Amino acid sequence: MTGLFVIELTGPAVKDLKALLNVENEIITHLKKLASVPEKGHCLSQNLQGIRALELSIKGSGEYRVA
C-alpha cells in the first residue's frame, strides 16, 4: 500500500492524548507510523472492524494502544 491513511481522533481520544502530556509526542509519532504503514498494526474486531491498531510501551509511562 502507498500513501497516507486518515487518522481520526474521537473526542475522548483527544482528551486522553492531552492528559498524556509527557508522552504525547511519542504517541503522535506512532499514529503517524500507523497512517503511513497500516500493515504494521493489527486488525480490530466487532464494532471497531476495519480499524487497525498498534500496541506500544513507553518506558516509564506504561502500555498504550493507538488505533
C-alpha atoms as a PDB file:
ATOM      1  CA  MET A   1       0.000   0.000   0.000  1.00  0.00           C
ATOM      2  CA  THR A   2       1.150   3.512  -0.671  1.00  0.00           C
ATOM      3  CA  GLY A   3       0.061   6.918   0.519  1.00  0.00           C
ATOM      4  CA  LEU A   4      -1.198   8.077   3.853  1.00  0.00           C
ATOM      5  CA  PHE A   5      -4.366   6.940   5.503  1.00  0.00           C
ATOM      6  CA  VAL A   6      -6.573   9.160   7.638  1.00  0.00           C
ATOM      7  CA  ILE A   7      -6.144   9.158  11.399  1.00  0.00           C
ATOM      8  CA  GLU A   8      -9.323  10.301  13.133  1.00  0.00           C
ATOM      9  CA  LEU A   9      -9.308  11.138  16.832  1.00  0.00           C
ATOM     10  CA  THR A  10     -12.559  10.862  18.742  1.00  0.00           C
ATOM     11  CA  GLY A  11     -13.403  13.403  21.439  1.00  0.00           C
ATOM     12  CA  PRO A  12     -12.365  11.014  24.235  1.00  0.00           C
ATOM     13  CA  ALA A  13      -9.119  10.211  22.382  1.00  0.00           C
ATOM     14  CA  VAL A  14      -8.221  13.911  22.156  1.00  0.00           C
ATOM     15  CA  LYS A  15      -8.936  14.302  25.867  1.00  0.00           C
ATOM     16  CA  ASP A  16      -6.800  11.248  26.700  1.00  0.00           C
ATOM     17  CA  LEU A  17      -3.954  12.478  24.499  1.00  0.00           C
ATOM     18  CA  LYS A  18      -3.968  15.908  26.167  1.00  0.00           C
ATOM     19  CA  ALA A  19      -3.799  14.204  29.567  1.00  0.00           C
ATOM     20  CA  LEU A  20      -0.649  12.355  28.463  1.00  0.00           C
ATOM     21  CA  LEU A  21       1.487  15.468  28.023  1.00  0.00           C
ATOM     22  CA  ASN A  22       4.725  13.701  28.901  1.00  0.00           C
ATOM     23  CA  VAL A  23       4.306  11.106  26.125  1.00  0.00           C
ATOM     24  CA  GLU A  24       2.031  12.939  23.691  1.00  0.00           C
ATOM     25  CA  ASN A  25       4.738  13.408  21.023  1.00  0.00           C
ATOM     26  CA  GLU A  26       5.759   9.757  21.149  1.00  0.00           C
ATOM     27  CA  ILE A  27       2.145   8.634  20.733  1.00  0.00           C
ATOM     28  CA  ILE A  28       1.681  11.036  17.804  1.00  0.00           C
ATOM     29  CA  THR A  29       4.810   9.544  16.197  1.00  0.00           C
ATOM     30  CA  HIS A  30       3.225   6.072  16.428  1.00  0.00           C
ATOM     31  CA  LEU A  31      -0.044   7.389  14.986  1.00  0.00           C
ATOM     32  CA  LYS A  32       1.877   8.767  12.004  1.00  0.00           C
ATOM     33  CA  LYS A  33       3.570   5.378  11.510  1.00  0.00           C
ATOM     34  CA  LEU A  34       0.159   3.707  11.525  1.00  0.00           C
ATOM     35  CA  ALA A  35      -1.115   6.226   8.955  1.00  0.00           C
ATOM     36  CA  SER A  36       1.815   5.642   6.608  1.00  0.00           C
ATOM     37  CA  VAL A  37       2.124   1.845   7.032  1.00  0.00           C
ATOM     38  CA  PRO A  38      -1.160   0.471   8.396  1.00  0.00           C
ATOM     39  CA  GLU A  39       0.029  -3.117   7.911  1.00  0.00           C
ATOM     40  CA  LYS A  40       2.206  -2.622  11.000  1.00  0.00           C
ATOM     41  CA  GLY A  41      -0.976  -2.561  13.055  1.00  0.00           C
ATOM     42  CA  HIS A  42      -3.306  -5.428  13.804  1.00  0.00           C
ATOM     43  CA  CYS A  43      -6.962  -5.536  12.782  1.00  0.00           C
ATOM     44  CA  LEU A  44      -9.573  -4.827  15.419  1.00  0.00           C
ATOM     45  CA  SER A  45     -12.910  -6.603  15.543  1.00  0.00           C
ATOM     46  CA  GLN A  46     -16.576  -6.179  16.439  1.00  0.00           C
ATOM     47  CA  ASN A  47     -17.657  -2.516  16.430  1.00  0.00           C
ATOM     48  CA  LEU A  48     -14.082  -1.464  15.500  1.00  0.00           C
ATOM     49  CA  GLN A  49     -13.879  -3.761  12.472  1.00  0.00           C
ATOM     50  CA  GLY A  50     -11.853  -2.188   9.673  1.00  0.00           C
ATOM     51  CA  ILE A  51      -9.649  -0.244  12.096  1.00  0.00           C
ATOM     52  CA  ARG A  52      -6.007  -1.090  12.734  1.00  0.00           C
ATOM     53  CA  ALA A  53      -4.147  -0.606  15.994  1.00  0.00           C
ATOM     54  CA  LEU A  54      -0.601  -0.610  17.307  1.00  0.00           C
ATOM     55  CA  GLU A  55       0.292  -1.694  20.820  1.00  0.00           C
ATOM     56  CA  LEU A  56       3.148   0.294  22.302  1.00  0.00           C
ATOM     57  CA  SER A  57       5.071   0.518  25.517  1.00  0.00           C
ATOM     58  CA  ILE A  58       6.595   3.798  26.590  1.00  0.00           C
ATOM     59  CA  LYS A  59       9.353   3.414  29.134  1.00  0.00           C
ATOM     60  CA  GLY A  60       8.273   4.787  32.487  1.00  0.00           C
ATOM     61  CA  SER A  61       4.749   5.545  31.293  1.00  0.00           C
ATOM     62  CA  GLY A  62       3.058   2.230  30.599  1.00  0.00           C
ATOM     63  CA  GLU A  63       1.298   0.364  27.816  1.00  0.00           C
ATOM     64  CA  TYR A  64      -0.867   2.073  25.194  1.00  0.00           C
ATOM     65  CA  ARG A  65      -2.832   1.207  22.086  1.00  0.00           C
ATOM     66  CA  VAL A  66      -3.189   3.609  19.197  1.00  0.00           C
ATOM     67  CA  ALA A  67      -5.937   2.789  16.738  1.00  0.00           C
END
